[in-house]
Amino acid sequence: MGIKSLLVSLKAATERVHLRDYAGLRVGVDASCWLHKGTYACSEQLCKGVPTQAYVRYCMHNVRILLQYGIVPVLIFDGDLLPMKKNEEISRQASRACSLEKARDAERAGDTALARSHYNKAVDVTPIMCRHLMDALDAERVSYVVAPYEADSQLAFMAHKKELDVVLTEDSDLLAYGVDRVL
């Protein structure tokens, strides 16, 4: 999720870069960020139980871009839920269920744009979806790690241990964890 307004506060300390500047480096990627974005292309199918691999194609497209620039990607997957976040996850499940109902209502009313918006909010990344991406990564011989709990803390741990040179994420938590090279 990140820390609200942290990136805005740190804007002066940021710089624009190009991926070619990271050739040869091991870049840790928060897989859940890409998986969640990938679901936007197929949220309706996922919510309706229609088989799709569009989210895998999205993630693998991003992996191939990194590889094209000579970057060594290492995807980090979330592991088990943190016990202290149980209530937050219950709240998220309820919110997704509400969004699913709103999507169905909008669809029945013929408002496909609104339905799509609600399907995007209703979809959840499941362990089987992660497995499908892992299978695609195995086929391309791309490394990945399943964190004990959240990917961002695993990314920080690996960066501090110098197992990763850079972390690629949309989550500002990595800055608070002291990771000095975050894309």
Protein backbone atom coordinates (compact mmCIF):
# COMPACT_ATOMS: atom_id res chain seq x y z
CA MET A 1 0.00 0.00 0.00
CA GLY A 2 2.75 2.46 0.81
CA ILE A 3 2.99 5.50 3.01
CA LYS A 4 0.55 8.24 2.10
CA SER A 5 2.22 11.32 0.55
CA LEU A 6 5.76 9.99 1.10
CA LEU A 7 6.67 10.09 -2.58
CA VAL A 8 5.33 13.64 -2.91
CA SER A 9 7.46 14.68 0.06
CA LEU A 10 10.57 13.09 -1.46
CA LYS A 11 10.05 14.40 -5.00
CA ALA A 12 13.12 16.66 -4.78
CA ALA A 13 15.29 13.62 -4.01
CA THR A 14 14.16 11.67 -7.08
CA GLU A 15 15.62 11.53 -10.55
CA ARG A 16 14.41 10.27 -13.91
CA VAL A 17 16.31 7.25 -15.15
CA HIS A 18 16.21 4.83 -18.07
CA LEU A 19 16.17 1.07 -17.74
CA ARG A 20 19.36 0.80 -19.79
CA ASP A 21 21.15 2.35 -16.79
CA TYR A 22 20.44 -0.86 -14.87
CA ALA A 23 21.88 -3.36 -17.35
CA GLY A 24 23.62 -6.22 -15.59
CA LEU A 25 21.99 -5.49 -12.24
CA ARG A 26 19.70 -7.76 -10.23
CA VAL A 27 16.38 -5.97 -9.91
CA GLY A 28 13.87 -7.24 -7.38
CA VAL A 29 10.26 -6.81 -8.46
CA ASP A 30 7.20 -6.85 -6.22
CA ALA A 31 5.22 -9.41 -8.23
CA SER A 32 1.92 -8.44 -6.62
CA CYS A 33 2.16 -4.94 -8.14
CA TRP A 34 2.38 -6.41 -11.63
CA LEU A 35 -0.22 -9.08 -10.95
CA HIS A 36 -2.74 -6.53 -9.72
CA LYS A 37 -2.14 -4.33 -12.78
CA GLY A 38 -2.37 -7.38 -15.01
CA THR A 39 -5.81 -8.23 -13.69
CA TYR A 40 -7.22 -5.00 -15.15
CA ALA A 41 -7.09 -6.58 -18.59
CA CYS A 42 -9.21 -9.54 -17.50
CA SER A 43 -11.00 -8.60 -14.29
CA GLU A 44 -14.43 -9.50 -15.63
CA GLN A 45 -13.28 -12.96 -16.72
CA LEU A 46 -11.56 -13.57 -13.39
CA CYS A 47 -14.64 -12.50 -11.41
CA LYS A 48 -16.84 -14.75 -13.54
CA GLY A 49 -14.50 -17.74 -13.31
CA VAL A 50 -13.68 -17.67 -17.03
CA PRO A 51 -10.18 -19.09 -17.63
CA THR A 52 -7.68 -16.44 -18.71
CA GLN A 53 -3.95 -15.90 -18.69
CA ALA A 54 -4.03 -12.20 -19.62
CA TYR A 55 -2.52 -11.22 -16.25
CA VAL A 56 0.39 -13.61 -16.86
CA ARG A 57 0.97 -12.15 -20.32
CA TYR A 58 1.04 -8.64 -18.80
CA CYS A 59 3.62 -9.65 -16.19
CA MET A 60 5.76 -11.58 -18.66
CA HIS A 61 5.71 -8.60 -21.05
CA ASN A 62 7.23 -6.52 -18.25
CA VAL A 63 9.78 -9.25 -17.49
CA ARG A 64 10.81 -9.33 -21.16
CA ILE A 65 11.26 -5.55 -21.18
CA LEU A 66 13.69 -5.86 -18.26
CA LEU A 67 15.51 -8.72 -19.99
CA GLN A 68 15.69 -6.68 -23.21
CA TYR A 69 17.72 -4.07 -21.31
CA GLY A 70 20.05 -6.67 -19.83
CA ILE A 71 18.47 -6.50 -16.39
CA VAL A 72 18.32 -9.64 -14.25
CA PRO A 73 14.79 -9.67 -12.80
CA VAL A 74 13.96 -11.47 -9.57
CA LEU A 75 10.24 -11.47 -8.81
CA ILE A 76 9.19 -11.58 -5.18
CA PHE A 77 5.76 -12.96 -4.33
CA ASP A 78 3.76 -12.34 -1.19
CA GLY A 79 3.64 -15.32 1.14
CA ASP A 80 1.27 -15.87 4.02
CA LEU A 81 -0.94 -13.11 5.38
CA LEU A 82 0.42 -11.25 8.36
CA PRO A 83 -1.71 -12.18 11.39
CA MET A 84 -1.84 -8.51 12.43
CA LYS A 85 -3.46 -7.64 9.07
CA LYS A 86 -6.30 -10.15 9.43
CA ASN A 87 -8.93 -7.45 9.99
CA GLU A 88 -7.64 -5.42 7.05
CA GLU A 89 -7.91 -8.47 4.79
CA ILE A 90 -11.46 -9.15 6.02
CA SER A 91 -12.31 -5.54 5.17
CA ARG A 92 -10.73 -5.89 1.71
CA GLN A 93 -12.71 -9.08 1.05
CA ALA A 94 -15.94 -7.30 2.00
CA SER A 95 -15.04 -4.38 -0.26
CA ARG A 96 -14.31 -6.73 -3.17
CA ALA A 97 -17.64 -8.52 -2.61
CA CYS A 98 -19.46 -5.18 -2.64
CA SER A 99 -17.65 -4.16 -5.83
CA LEU A 100 -18.59 -7.46 -7.45
CA GLU A 101 -22.26 -6.87 -6.68
CA LYS A 102 -22.03 -3.33 -8.07
CA ALA A 103 -20.35 -4.71 -11.22
CA ARG A 104 -23.18 -7.18 -11.74
CA ASP A 105 -25.79 -4.45 -11.17
CA ALA A 106 -24.08 -2.14 -13.65
CA GLU A 107 -23.82 -4.95 -16.16
CA ARG A 108 -27.54 -5.73 -15.83
CA ALA A 109 -28.24 -2.02 -16.34
CA GLY A 110 -26.14 -2.06 -19.53
CA ASP A 111 -23.43 0.26 -18.18
CA THR A 112 -20.35 -1.65 -19.32
CA ALA A 113 -17.87 1.10 -18.36
CA LEU A 114 -19.15 1.21 -14.79
CA ALA A 115 -19.27 -2.58 -14.64
CA ARG A 116 -15.64 -2.78 -15.77
CA SER A 117 -14.61 -0.26 -13.13
CA HIS A 118 -16.28 -2.32 -10.42
CA TYR A 119 -14.88 -5.62 -11.75
CA ASN A 120 -11.40 -4.08 -11.49
CA LYS A 121 -12.07 -3.36 -7.80
CA ALA A 122 -13.64 -6.78 -7.19
CA VAL A 123 -10.87 -8.99 -8.47
CA ASP A 124 -8.38 -10.57 -6.08
CA VAL A 125 -4.99 -12.07 -6.88
CA THR A 126 -5.14 -15.69 -5.79
CA PRO A 127 -2.42 -18.26 -5.06
CA ILE A 128 -3.30 -20.13 -8.27
CA MET A 129 -2.76 -16.94 -10.25
CA CYS A 130 0.66 -16.60 -8.62
CA ARG A 131 1.38 -20.23 -9.53
CA HIS A 132 0.51 -19.54 -13.18
CA LEU A 133 2.98 -16.66 -13.23
CA MET A 134 5.61 -18.79 -11.50
CA ASP A 135 5.17 -21.45 -14.18
CA ALA A 136 5.72 -18.83 -16.89
CA LEU A 137 8.82 -17.56 -15.05
CA ASP A 138 10.14 -21.13 -14.80
CA ALA A 139 9.65 -21.56 -18.56
CA GLU A 140 11.75 -18.41 -19.17
CA ARG A 141 14.28 -19.33 -16.45
CA VAL A 142 13.55 -16.16 -14.48
CA SER A 143 14.19 -16.31 -10.74
CA TYR A 144 11.54 -15.70 -8.12
CA VAL A 145 11.15 -15.97 -4.36
CA VAL A 146 8.05 -16.47 -2.25
CA ALA A 147 8.38 -14.29 0.83
CA PRO A 148 7.43 -15.68 4.23
CA TYR A 149 4.87 -12.88 4.47
CA GLU A 150 4.86 -9.62 2.48
CA ALA A 151 7.02 -9.13 -0.59
CA ASP A 152 8.13 -5.63 0.36
CA SER A 153 9.88 -6.74 3.55
CA GLN A 154 11.53 -9.61 1.64
CA LEU A 155 12.68 -7.17 -1.05
CA ALA A 156 14.17 -4.91 1.63
CA PHE A 157 15.90 -7.86 3.30
CA MET A 158 17.41 -9.01 0.01
CA ALA A 159 18.50 -5.47 -0.89
CA HIS A 160 20.20 -5.02 2.48
CA LYS A 161 21.95 -8.38 2.03
CA LYS A 162 23.13 -7.17 -1.43
CA GLU A 163 21.24 -10.01 -3.14
CA LEU A 164 19.45 -7.30 -5.15
CA ASP A 165 20.94 -4.14 -6.59
CA VAL A 166 17.66 -2.29 -7.12
CA VAL A 167 14.02 -2.75 -6.15
CA LEU A 168 11.19 -2.07 -8.61
CA THR A 169 7.86 -1.42 -6.90
CA GLU A 170 4.91 0.93 -6.62
CA ASP A 171 5.03 0.67 -2.83
CA SER A 172 6.79 3.49 -0.99
CA ASP A 173 7.29 1.21 2.04
CA LEU A 174 10.63 0.18 0.56
CA LEU A 175 11.99 3.66 1.18
CA ALA A 176 10.92 3.49 4.82
CA TYR A 177 12.66 0.11 5.04
CA GLY A 178 15.90 1.84 4.08
CA VAL A 179 16.28 0.53 0.53
CA ASP A 180 18.44 3.12 -1.19
CA ARG A 181 17.80 2.18 -4.84
CA VAL A 182 14.09 2.04 -5.60
CA LEU A 183 12.51 2.36 -9.03
